[in-house]
Amino acid sequence: MPQGDYRSAVRHETVIYTAGMTPRDNGELIDIGVVGANIDVDRARSAARHAATNAAFAAESGLLPGEAIAQVLRMTVFVASVPTFTEHSRVADAASEVLRGRYGDEALGARTAVGVACLPGGAPVEIELTVGIGVADRRAST
């Protein structure tokens, strides 16, 4: 559910764009803090997995019957971190693992991992996706 005045995902033709998704469960953040201060890399990776799952659910909410996510075109991973933190890619890898497990190796897309001073609600990680839509059964399209 959106935490403000926006939609969690927007579809344009065969592309779905998600809003930034934080690691929430039933609307509540599962972790709060800054990576490298009060959150270690393992906790940040766990938060990234949760946020990626939420982003995938948001993207999938824009599918019509018979459609599936065919390709992750882009994933942006924002990590609330101290200025000296340098393991953003390691945190983002946890989100990529979720998408690989959900959509397969061939569906992984481009990715950016960015360190920021803070995120909404004090979340340690926020993830947004841009995905391409295909048919649910790839064999039916060949």
Protein backbone atom coordinates (compact mmCIF):
# COMPACT_ATOMS: atom_id res chain seq x y z
CA MET A 1 0.00 0.00 0.00
CA PRO A 2 1.28 3.48 -0.82
CA GLN A 3 2.52 5.49 2.13
CA GLY A 4 1.45 8.78 0.53
CA ASP A 5 -0.36 10.35 -2.42
CA TYR A 6 0.88 8.16 -5.27
CA ARG A 7 0.34 4.76 -6.90
CA SER A 8 2.65 1.86 -6.11
CA ALA A 9 2.95 1.02 -9.82
CA VAL A 10 2.06 2.63 -13.13
CA ARG A 11 1.75 0.84 -16.44
CA HIS A 12 2.45 2.37 -19.85
CA GLU A 13 1.79 -0.05 -22.69
CA THR A 14 4.11 -3.01 -21.98
CA VAL A 15 6.23 -1.40 -19.27
CA ILE A 16 5.49 -1.12 -15.54
CA TYR A 17 7.25 1.42 -13.32
CA THR A 18 7.11 0.97 -9.55
CA ALA A 19 7.39 3.59 -6.88
CA GLY A 20 10.24 3.23 -4.44
CA MET A 21 9.51 0.27 -2.17
CA THR A 22 10.88 0.04 1.35
CA PRO A 23 11.09 -3.10 3.48
CA ARG A 24 7.56 -3.02 4.87
CA ASP A 25 5.33 -5.79 6.15
CA ASN A 26 1.64 -4.86 6.40
CA GLY A 27 2.59 -1.20 6.06
CA GLU A 28 5.16 -1.24 8.88
CA LEU A 29 8.91 -0.95 8.31
CA ILE A 30 10.68 -4.14 9.36
CA ASP A 31 13.93 -2.26 10.06
CA ILE A 32 14.95 1.35 10.58
CA GLY A 33 18.40 2.86 10.50
CA VAL A 34 21.52 3.76 8.58
CA VAL A 35 23.83 1.16 7.08
CA GLY A 36 27.29 1.44 8.54
CA ALA A 37 25.96 3.13 11.69
CA ASN A 38 23.33 1.01 13.44
CA ILE A 39 22.66 -1.49 10.62
CA ASP A 40 25.26 -3.96 9.33
CA VAL A 41 25.50 -5.32 5.79
CA ASP A 42 23.63 -8.55 6.60
CA ARG A 43 20.64 -6.63 8.00
CA ALA A 44 20.74 -4.29 5.01
CA ARG A 45 20.75 -7.29 2.65
CA SER A 46 17.72 -8.72 4.46
CA ALA A 47 15.95 -5.36 4.13
CA ALA A 48 16.85 -5.28 0.42
CA ARG A 49 15.33 -8.73 -0.10
CA HIS A 50 12.12 -7.60 1.57
CA ALA A 51 11.98 -4.34 -0.41
CA ALA A 52 12.65 -6.21 -3.69
CA THR A 53 9.81 -8.60 -2.92
CA ASN A 54 7.51 -5.64 -2.30
CA ALA A 55 8.64 -4.03 -5.57
CA ALA A 56 7.98 -7.28 -7.45
CA PHE A 57 4.47 -7.50 -5.96
CA ALA A 58 3.83 -3.87 -6.97
CA ALA A 59 5.01 -4.56 -10.53
CA GLU A 60 2.93 -7.73 -10.76
CA SER A 61 -0.16 -5.79 -9.66
CA GLY A 62 -0.11 -4.10 -13.07
CA LEU A 63 -0.31 -7.35 -15.04
CA LEU A 64 -3.40 -8.41 -16.94
CA PRO A 65 -4.58 -12.03 -17.15
CA GLY A 66 -2.17 -14.11 -19.22
CA GLU A 67 0.76 -11.72 -18.69
CA ALA A 68 3.97 -12.07 -16.71
CA ILE A 69 7.10 -10.07 -15.99
CA ALA A 70 9.37 -10.93 -18.92
CA GLN A 71 12.33 -8.68 -18.13
CA VAL A 72 13.56 -6.46 -15.34
CA LEU A 73 14.67 -3.48 -17.39
CA ARG A 74 16.11 -1.50 -14.50
CA MET A 75 16.40 -1.68 -10.73
CA THR A 76 17.55 1.22 -8.59
CA VAL A 77 18.62 0.43 -5.03
CA PHE A 78 18.92 3.31 -2.60
CA VAL A 79 20.91 2.56 0.56
CA ALA A 80 20.73 4.94 3.54
CA SER A 81 24.35 4.81 4.61
CA VAL A 82 27.16 6.64 6.31
CA PRO A 83 29.46 8.53 3.91
CA THR A 84 32.26 5.99 4.32
CA PHE A 85 30.10 2.95 3.42
CA THR A 86 31.23 1.34 0.15
CA GLU A 87 29.35 -1.98 -0.08
CA HIS A 88 26.22 -0.74 -1.85
CA SER A 89 26.58 -3.41 -4.53
CA ARG A 90 26.62 -6.15 -1.89
CA VAL A 91 23.33 -4.85 -0.50
CA ALA A 92 21.88 -4.58 -4.01
CA ASP A 93 22.98 -8.15 -4.82
CA ALA A 94 20.45 -9.41 -2.25
CA ALA A 95 17.66 -7.67 -4.19
CA SER A 96 18.97 -9.13 -7.45
CA GLU A 97 18.84 -12.60 -5.87
CA VAL A 98 15.12 -12.14 -5.20
CA LEU A 99 14.43 -11.08 -8.78
CA ARG A 100 16.55 -13.91 -10.21
CA GLY A 101 14.63 -16.41 -8.09
CA ARG A 102 11.31 -14.96 -9.15
CA TYR A 103 11.87 -14.31 -12.86
CA GLY A 104 14.99 -16.31 -13.84
CA ASP A 105 18.55 -15.44 -14.79
CA GLU A 106 17.61 -14.12 -18.22
CA ALA A 107 15.20 -11.58 -16.71
CA LEU A 108 17.83 -9.70 -14.69
CA GLY A 109 18.30 -6.16 -15.94
CA ALA A 110 20.46 -3.11 -15.46
CA ARG A 111 21.00 -1.92 -11.89
CA THR A 112 22.14 1.13 -9.99
CA ALA A 113 23.04 1.16 -6.31
CA VAL A 114 23.22 4.58 -4.68
CA GLY A 115 24.10 5.72 -1.17
CA VAL A 116 21.86 8.40 0.32
CA ALA A 117 21.71 10.25 3.63
CA CYS A 118 18.21 9.09 4.58
CA LEU A 119 15.09 7.42 3.23
CA PRO A 120 11.36 7.72 4.00
CA GLY A 121 10.42 6.64 7.50
CA GLY A 122 14.05 5.90 8.33
CA ALA A 123 14.16 2.86 6.02
CA PRO A 124 17.66 1.51 5.36
CA VAL A 125 16.86 0.54 1.75
CA GLU A 126 14.44 1.58 -1.00
CA ILE A 127 14.04 -0.16 -4.36
CA GLU A 128 12.30 0.85 -7.57
CA LEU A 129 11.79 -1.30 -10.65
CA THR A 130 11.05 -0.84 -14.32
CA VAL A 131 9.86 -4.08 -15.90
CA GLY A 132 8.80 -5.32 -19.32
CA ILE A 133 5.67 -7.42 -19.78
CA GLY A 134 5.37 -10.66 -21.73
CA VAL A 135 3.00 -13.58 -21.98
CA ALA A 136 2.66 -15.79 -18.90
CA ASP A 137 3.71 -18.95 -20.73
CA ARG A 138 6.83 -18.18 -22.77
CA ARG A 139 6.36 -21.39 -24.79
CA ALA A 140 3.07 -19.98 -26.09
CA SER A 141 4.92 -17.02 -27.64
CA THR A 142 7.29 -19.12 -29.76
